[in-house]
Amino acid sequence: MIDDTIYEKYFKSLIKGARYDCIAIVDNLIKQNVAVDEIYTHLFQRALYQVGEYWEMNKISVATEHMATALTETLMIRMQPKLFSTERIGKKSVIACIANEYHQVGAKMIADIFEMNGWDGYFVGANTPLSELIRFIDEQKPDVTGLSLSLYFNLPELTKTLDQLQNAFPDMPILVGGQAFRWGGTEIIDQFKNVELMSDIRTLQKFINQN
């Protein structure tokens, strides 16, 4: 577990945009062999959730929120030597943010966790048109597809996406997750077979271990 002292120092640096201080903290954790999923969950994810809360309370501007998000994506790149040092196991995942979803950091983390476990994690980006997602899945033929949903009001788009993906690929497992499910929507997932909610990285890791 990353202790609160390190976290608070990191968070204050993040919202100030003190990139070199953030880099130093992350690099030090890497040197200490702190696990990737530990850094993602207890540093990056925790900090971005707090950034969102600060924005909702009008403690920071949209510009600061965007800066913190962009800086987090930069820091994630520093994890790549750990991610790609794992022996490949011949499995693929396709991870996407559905149409009208622009918050992509969480989805990138999920793709990275697959990479860490020896999978080839194909992250196809934010606001992925459904027709293009279907085409890409058909080309790559992944073992699993993951969908990220941050905005609760995009649940109808998720329903549409799940419906068409299952029509096109009836036997493909689909993982769904994101901040939107903090406010509900899990009943939609229950309508579809082979669809599972990933509430956090630990749940994802359990899925990967079983597959």
C-alpha atoms as a PDB file:
ATOM      1  CA  MET A   1       0.000   0.000   0.000  1.00  0.00           C
ATOM      2  CA  ILE A   2       1.249   3.485  -0.882  1.00  0.00           C
ATOM      3  CA  ASP A   3       1.111   5.451   2.369  1.00  0.00           C
ATOM      4  CA  ASP A   4      -0.863   8.659   2.744  1.00  0.00           C
ATOM      5  CA  THR A   5       2.232  10.845   3.105  1.00  0.00           C
ATOM      6  CA  ILE A   6       3.466   9.873  -0.351  1.00  0.00           C
ATOM      7  CA  TYR A   7      -0.024  10.168  -1.784  1.00  0.00           C
ATOM      8  CA  GLU A   8      -0.631  13.659  -0.378  1.00  0.00           C
ATOM      9  CA  LYS A   9       2.729  14.869  -1.681  1.00  0.00           C
ATOM     10  CA  TYR A  10       1.897  13.440  -5.101  1.00  0.00           C
ATOM     11  CA  PHE A  11      -1.615  14.901  -5.181  1.00  0.00           C
ATOM     12  CA  LYS A  12      -0.450  18.396  -4.259  1.00  0.00           C
ATOM     13  CA  SER A  13       2.218  18.197  -6.972  1.00  0.00           C
ATOM     14  CA  LEU A  14      -0.311  16.920  -9.502  1.00  0.00           C
ATOM     15  CA  ILE A  15      -2.816  19.749  -9.133  1.00  0.00           C
ATOM     16  CA  LYS A  16       0.029  22.292  -9.178  1.00  0.00           C
ATOM     17  CA  GLY A  17       1.295  20.788 -12.422  1.00  0.00           C
ATOM     18  CA  ALA A  18       4.678  20.122 -10.801  1.00  0.00           C
ATOM     19  CA  ARG A  19       5.550  17.420 -13.299  1.00  0.00           C
ATOM     20  CA  TYR A  20       9.132  16.803 -12.170  1.00  0.00           C
ATOM     21  CA  ASP A  21       8.027  16.294  -8.578  1.00  0.00           C
ATOM     22  CA  CYS A  22       5.397  13.811  -9.776  1.00  0.00           C
ATOM     23  CA  ILE A  23       7.981  12.039 -11.938  1.00  0.00           C
ATOM     24  CA  ALA A  24      10.366  11.768  -8.990  1.00  0.00           C
ATOM     25  CA  ILE A  25       7.676  10.196  -6.803  1.00  0.00           C
ATOM     26  CA  VAL A  26       6.644   7.684  -9.459  1.00  0.00           C
ATOM     27  CA  ASP A  27      10.230   6.797 -10.376  1.00  0.00           C
ATOM     28  CA  ASN A  28      11.033   6.209  -6.723  1.00  0.00           C
ATOM     29  CA  LEU A  29       8.082   3.831  -6.396  1.00  0.00           C
ATOM     30  CA  ILE A  30       9.248   1.970  -9.501  1.00  0.00           C
ATOM     31  CA  LYS A  31      12.759   1.650  -8.034  1.00  0.00           C
ATOM     32  CA  GLN A  32      11.195   0.205  -4.891  1.00  0.00           C
ATOM     33  CA  ASN A  33       9.483  -2.427  -7.077  1.00  0.00           C
ATOM     34  CA  VAL A  34       6.006  -1.275  -6.110  1.00  0.00           C
ATOM     35  CA  ALA A  35       3.575  -3.225  -8.310  1.00  0.00           C
ATOM     36  CA  VAL A  36       2.039  -1.547 -11.342  1.00  0.00           C
ATOM     37  CA  ASP A  37      -1.515  -2.209 -10.201  1.00  0.00           C
ATOM     38  CA  GLU A  38      -0.636  -0.736  -6.789  1.00  0.00           C
ATOM     39  CA  ILE A  39       0.581   2.504  -8.390  1.00  0.00           C
ATOM     40  CA  TYR A  40      -2.391   2.643 -10.729  1.00  0.00           C
ATOM     41  CA  THR A  41      -4.949   2.043  -7.975  1.00  0.00           C
ATOM     42  CA  HIS A  42      -3.534   3.848  -4.949  1.00  0.00           C
ATOM     43  CA  LEU A  43      -1.791   6.746  -6.686  1.00  0.00           C
ATOM     44  CA  PHE A  44      -3.103   7.508 -10.179  1.00  0.00           C
ATOM     45  CA  GLN A  45      -6.715   6.403  -9.771  1.00  0.00           C
ATOM     46  CA  ARG A  46      -7.086   7.740  -6.249  1.00  0.00           C
ATOM     47  CA  ALA A  47      -5.659  11.109  -7.276  1.00  0.00           C
ATOM     48  CA  LEU A  48      -7.865  11.437 -10.356  1.00  0.00           C
ATOM     49  CA  TYR A  49     -10.962  10.600  -8.315  1.00  0.00           C
ATOM     50  CA  GLN A  50      -9.984  13.371  -5.904  1.00  0.00           C
ATOM     51  CA  VAL A  51      -9.345  15.738  -8.794  1.00  0.00           C
ATOM     52  CA  GLY A  52     -12.887  15.038 -10.003  1.00  0.00           C
ATOM     53  CA  GLU A  53     -14.272  15.706  -6.540  1.00  0.00           C
ATOM     54  CA  TYR A  54     -12.351  18.983  -6.328  1.00  0.00           C
ATOM     55  CA  TRP A  55     -13.774  20.034  -9.679  1.00  0.00           C
ATOM     56  CA  GLU A  56     -17.333  19.174  -8.584  1.00  0.00           C
ATOM     57  CA  MET A  57     -16.820  21.298  -5.459  1.00  0.00           C
ATOM     58  CA  ASN A  58     -15.410  24.138  -7.606  1.00  0.00           C
ATOM     59  CA  LYS A  59     -12.046  23.952  -5.829  1.00  0.00           C
ATOM     60  CA  ILE A  60     -10.190  23.671  -9.142  1.00  0.00           C
ATOM     61  CA  SER A  61     -10.903  24.722 -12.721  1.00  0.00           C
ATOM     62  CA  VAL A  62     -11.614  22.536 -15.722  1.00  0.00           C
ATOM     63  CA  ALA A  63      -8.181  23.519 -17.015  1.00  0.00           C
ATOM     64  CA  THR A  64      -6.545  22.140 -13.872  1.00  0.00           C
ATOM     65  CA  GLU A  65      -8.540  18.913 -14.175  1.00  0.00           C
ATOM     66  CA  HIS A  66      -7.425  18.511 -17.790  1.00  0.00           C
ATOM     67  CA  MET A  67      -3.820  19.253 -16.853  1.00  0.00           C
ATOM     68  CA  ALA A  68      -3.874  16.623 -14.099  1.00  0.00           C
ATOM     69  CA  THR A  69      -5.327  14.064 -16.485  1.00  0.00           C
ATOM     70  CA  ALA A  70      -2.743  14.789 -19.160  1.00  0.00           C
ATOM     71  CA  LEU A  71       0.088  14.602 -16.628  1.00  0.00           C
ATOM     72  CA  THR A  72      -1.205  11.250 -15.375  1.00  0.00           C
ATOM     73  CA  GLU A  73      -1.130   9.858 -18.912  1.00  0.00           C
ATOM     74  CA  THR A  74       2.481  11.032 -19.221  1.00  0.00           C
ATOM     75  CA  LEU A  75       3.376   9.312 -15.959  1.00  0.00           C
ATOM     76  CA  MET A  76       1.743   6.086 -17.104  1.00  0.00           C
ATOM     77  CA  ILE A  77       4.252   5.901 -19.951  1.00  0.00           C
ATOM     78  CA  ARG A  78       7.009   5.502 -17.357  1.00  0.00           C
ATOM     79  CA  MET A  79       5.434   2.188 -16.368  1.00  0.00           C
ATOM     80  CA  GLN A  80       5.908   0.648 -19.809  1.00  0.00           C
ATOM     81  CA  PRO A  81       9.247  -1.094 -19.162  1.00  0.00           C
ATOM     82  CA  LYS A  82       7.496  -3.093 -16.438  1.00  0.00           C
ATOM     83  CA  LEU A  83       4.443  -3.737 -18.577  1.00  0.00           C
ATOM     84  CA  PHE A  84       6.226  -5.056 -21.632  1.00  0.00           C
ATOM     85  CA  SER A  85       8.844  -7.105 -19.802  1.00  0.00           C
ATOM     86  CA  THR A  86       6.231  -9.786 -19.120  1.00  0.00           C
ATOM     87  CA  GLU A  87       6.319 -12.881 -21.313  1.00  0.00           C
ATOM     88  CA  ARG A  88       3.512 -12.868 -23.868  1.00  0.00           C
ATOM     89  CA  ILE A  89       0.875 -15.587 -23.419  1.00  0.00           C
ATOM     90  CA  GLY A  90      -0.814 -15.341 -26.815  1.00  0.00           C
ATOM     91  CA  LYS A  91      -4.043 -13.652 -25.674  1.00  0.00           C
ATOM     92  CA  LYS A  92      -5.562 -10.355 -26.800  1.00  0.00           C
ATOM     93  CA  SER A  93      -7.847  -7.741 -25.300  1.00  0.00           C
ATOM     94  CA  VAL A  94      -9.457  -4.784 -27.041  1.00  0.00           C
ATOM     95  CA  ILE A  95     -10.253  -1.862 -24.726  1.00  0.00           C
ATOM     96  CA  ALA A  96     -12.372   1.091 -25.817  1.00  0.00           C
ATOM     97  CA  CYS A  97     -14.251   4.109 -24.563  1.00  0.00           C
ATOM     98  CA  ILE A  98     -17.692   3.936 -26.152  1.00  0.00           C
ATOM     99  CA  ALA A  99     -19.057   6.684 -28.389  1.00  0.00           C
ATOM    100  CA  ASN A 100     -19.379  10.086 -26.657  1.00  0.00           C
ATOM    101  CA  GLU A 101     -16.932   9.074 -23.907  1.00  0.00           C
ATOM    102  CA  TYR A 102     -13.791  11.224 -23.724  1.00  0.00           C
ATOM    103  CA  HIS A 103     -12.347  10.186 -20.337  1.00  0.00           C
ATOM    104  CA  GLN A 104      -9.796   7.623 -21.436  1.00  0.00           C
ATOM    105  CA  VAL A 105      -7.274   7.256 -18.606  1.00  0.00           C
ATOM    106  CA  GLY A 106      -9.168   4.482 -16.852  1.00  0.00           C
ATOM    107  CA  ALA A 107      -9.467   2.502 -20.068  1.00  0.00           C
ATOM    108  CA  LYS A 108      -5.748   2.930 -20.752  1.00  0.00           C
ATOM    109  CA  MET A 109      -5.015   1.591 -17.286  1.00  0.00           C
ATOM    110  CA  ILE A 110      -7.107  -1.492 -18.024  1.00  0.00           C
ATOM    111  CA  ALA A 111      -5.220  -2.125 -21.268  1.00  0.00           C
ATOM    112  CA  ASP A 112      -1.965  -1.761 -19.335  1.00  0.00           C
ATOM    113  CA  ILE A 113      -3.063  -4.278 -16.707  1.00  0.00           C
ATOM    114  CA  PHE A 114      -3.680  -6.801 -19.468  1.00  0.00           C
ATOM    115  CA  GLU A 115      -0.202  -6.058 -20.840  1.00  0.00           C
ATOM    116  CA  MET A 116       1.285  -6.562 -17.384  1.00  0.00           C
ATOM    117  CA  ASN A 117      -0.246 -10.031 -17.350  1.00  0.00           C
ATOM    118  CA  GLY A 118       1.240 -11.021 -20.704  1.00  0.00           C
ATOM    119  CA  TRP A 119      -1.753 -10.192 -22.891  1.00  0.00           C
ATOM    120  CA  ASP A 120      -1.621  -7.872 -25.904  1.00  0.00           C
ATOM    121  CA  GLY A 121      -3.842  -5.006 -24.769  1.00  0.00           C
ATOM    122  CA  TYR A 122      -5.157  -2.977 -27.699  1.00  0.00           C
ATOM    123  CA  PHE A 123      -6.437   0.398 -26.494  1.00  0.00           C
ATOM    124  CA  VAL A 124      -8.399   2.072 -29.290  1.00  0.00           C
ATOM    125  CA  GLY A 125      -9.015   5.428 -27.622  1.00  0.00           C
ATOM    126  CA  ALA A 126     -11.799   7.732 -26.549  1.00  0.00           C
ATOM    127  CA  ASN A 127     -15.117   8.234 -28.340  1.00  0.00           C
ATOM    128  CA  THR A 128     -14.777   5.106 -30.484  1.00  0.00           C
ATOM    129  CA  PRO A 129     -17.543   4.905 -33.115  1.00  0.00           C
ATOM    130  CA  LEU A 130     -19.430   1.644 -32.719  1.00  0.00           C
ATOM    131  CA  SER A 131     -19.056   0.625 -36.358  1.00  0.00           C
ATOM    132  CA  GLU A 132     -15.284   1.100 -36.171  1.00  0.00           C
ATOM    133  CA  LEU A 133     -15.076  -0.808 -32.901  1.00  0.00           C
ATOM    134  CA  ILE A 134     -16.902  -3.760 -34.442  1.00  0.00           C
ATOM    135  CA  ARG A 135     -14.605  -3.650 -37.439  1.00  0.00           C
ATOM    136  CA  PHE A 136     -11.496  -3.584 -35.252  1.00  0.00           C
ATOM    137  CA  ILE A 137     -12.707  -6.477 -33.106  1.00  0.00           C
ATOM    138  CA  ASP A 138     -13.418  -8.479 -36.235  1.00  0.00           C
ATOM    139  CA  GLU A 139      -9.873  -7.818 -37.446  1.00  0.00           C
ATOM    140  CA  GLN A 140      -8.111  -8.570 -34.155  1.00  0.00           C
ATOM    141  CA  LYS A 141     -10.361 -11.370 -32.866  1.00  0.00           C
ATOM    142  CA  PRO A 142      -9.587 -10.680 -29.185  1.00  0.00           C
ATOM    143  CA  ASP A 143     -10.204 -13.080 -26.325  1.00  0.00           C
ATOM    144  CA  VAL A 144     -12.080 -10.326 -24.489  1.00  0.00           C
ATOM    145  CA  THR A 145     -13.302  -6.779 -25.091  1.00  0.00           C
ATOM    146  CA  GLY A 146     -13.481  -4.084 -22.407  1.00  0.00           C
ATOM    147  CA  LEU A 147     -15.727  -1.013 -22.495  1.00  0.00           C
ATOM    148  CA  SER A 148     -15.256   2.119 -20.396  1.00  0.00           C
ATOM    149  CA  LEU A 149     -18.139   4.362 -19.353  1.00  0.00           C
ATOM    150  CA  SER A 150     -17.544   7.489 -17.264  1.00  0.00           C
ATOM    151  CA  LEU A 151     -20.787   9.407 -17.769  1.00  0.00           C
ATOM    152  CA  TYR A 152     -24.025   8.029 -16.370  1.00  0.00           C
ATOM    153  CA  PHE A 153     -26.170   9.639 -19.065  1.00  0.00           C
ATOM    154  CA  ASN A 154     -24.323   7.555 -21.687  1.00  0.00           C
ATOM    155  CA  LEU A 155     -25.927   4.334 -20.441  1.00  0.00           C
ATOM    156  CA  PRO A 156     -28.243   4.161 -23.487  1.00  0.00           C
ATOM    157  CA  GLU A 157     -25.132   4.200 -25.701  1.00  0.00           C
ATOM    158  CA  LEU A 158     -23.713   1.342 -23.648  1.00  0.00           C
ATOM    159  CA  THR A 159     -26.910  -0.666 -24.131  1.00  0.00           C
ATOM    160  CA  LYS A 160     -26.722  -0.099 -27.883  1.00  0.00           C
ATOM    161  CA  THR A 161     -23.039  -1.065 -27.936  1.00  0.00           C
ATOM    162  CA  LEU A 162     -23.551  -4.263 -25.955  1.00  0.00           C
ATOM    163  CA  ASP A 163     -26.496  -5.265 -28.111  1.00  0.00           C
ATOM    164  CA  GLN A 164     -24.591  -4.880 -31.379  1.00  0.00           C
ATOM    165  CA  LEU A 165     -21.386  -6.461 -30.060  1.00  0.00           C
ATOM    166  CA  GLN A 166     -23.266  -9.513 -28.869  1.00  0.00           C
ATOM    167  CA  ASN A 167     -25.062  -9.807 -32.186  1.00  0.00           C
ATOM    168  CA  ALA A 168     -21.750  -9.665 -34.022  1.00  0.00           C
ATOM    169  CA  PHE A 169     -19.694 -11.737 -31.538  1.00  0.00           C
ATOM    170  CA  PRO A 170     -22.117 -13.838 -29.473  1.00  0.00           C
ATOM    171  CA  ASP A 171     -19.475 -15.864 -27.639  1.00  0.00           C
ATOM    172  CA  MET A 172     -17.010 -13.072 -26.837  1.00  0.00           C
ATOM    173  CA  PRO A 173     -16.675 -12.076 -23.153  1.00  0.00           C
ATOM    174  CA  ILE A 174     -17.219  -8.364 -22.559  1.00  0.00           C
ATOM    175  CA  LEU A 175     -15.999  -6.429 -19.534  1.00  0.00           C
ATOM    176  CA  VAL A 176     -17.591  -3.136 -18.552  1.00  0.00           C
ATOM    177  CA  GLY A 177     -16.415  -0.579 -16.017  1.00  0.00           C
ATOM    178  CA  GLY A 178     -16.013   3.076 -15.180  1.00  0.00           C
ATOM    179  CA  GLN A 179     -17.136   5.891 -12.941  1.00  0.00           C
ATOM    180  CA  ALA A 180     -20.663   5.893 -14.379  1.00  0.00           C
ATOM    181  CA  PHE A 181     -21.549   2.838 -12.317  1.00  0.00           C
ATOM    182  CA  ARG A 182     -21.100   4.737  -9.085  1.00  0.00           C
ATOM    183  CA  TRP A 183     -24.626   6.052  -9.733  1.00  0.00           C
ATOM    184  CA  GLY A 184     -26.241   2.840 -10.949  1.00  0.00           C
ATOM    185  CA  GLY A 185     -26.781   1.109 -14.266  1.00  0.00           C
ATOM    186  CA  THR A 186     -25.719  -2.386 -13.278  1.00  0.00           C
ATOM    187  CA  GLU A 187     -29.145  -3.715 -14.230  1.00  0.00           C
ATOM    188  CA  ILE A 188     -28.236  -3.096 -17.877  1.00  0.00           C
ATOM    189  CA  ILE A 189     -25.328  -5.506 -17.630  1.00  0.00           C
ATOM    190  CA  ASP A 190     -27.632  -8.214 -16.259  1.00  0.00           C
ATOM    191  CA  GLN A 191     -29.605  -8.137 -19.519  1.00  0.00           C
ATOM    192  CA  PHE A 192     -26.676  -9.550 -21.501  1.00  0.00           C
ATOM    193  CA  LYS A 193     -24.851 -12.856 -21.363  1.00  0.00           C
ATOM    194  CA  ASN A 194     -21.054 -12.979 -21.169  1.00  0.00           C
ATOM    195  CA  VAL A 195     -20.913  -9.417 -19.802  1.00  0.00           C
ATOM    196  CA  GLU A 196     -19.239  -8.680 -16.457  1.00  0.00           C
ATOM    197  CA  LEU A 197     -18.828  -5.498 -14.433  1.00  0.00           C
ATOM    198  CA  MET A 198     -15.259  -4.723 -13.405  1.00  0.00           C
ATOM    199  CA  SER A 199     -15.698  -2.551 -10.309  1.00  0.00           C
ATOM    200  CA  ASP A 200     -11.966  -2.059  -9.762  1.00  0.00           C
ATOM    201  CA  ILE A 201      -8.514  -3.272 -10.808  1.00  0.00           C
ATOM    202  CA  ARG A 202      -8.587  -6.100  -8.259  1.00  0.00           C
ATOM    203  CA  THR A 203     -11.743  -7.480  -9.883  1.00  0.00           C
ATOM    204  CA  LEU A 204     -10.060  -7.242 -13.268  1.00  0.00           C
ATOM    205  CA  GLN A 205      -6.976  -9.052 -11.964  1.00  0.00           C
ATOM    206  CA  LYS A 206      -9.178 -11.852 -10.643  1.00  0.00           C
ATOM    207  CA  PHE A 207     -10.803 -12.184 -14.078  1.00  0.00           C
ATOM    208  CA  ILE A 208      -7.416 -12.325 -15.784  1.00  0.00           C
ATOM    209  CA  ASN A 209      -6.134 -14.948 -13.349  1.00  0.00           C
ATOM    210  CA  GLN A 210      -9.134 -17.140 -14.129  1.00  0.00           C
ATOM    211  CA  ASN A 211      -8.702 -16.814 -17.881  1.00  0.00           C
END
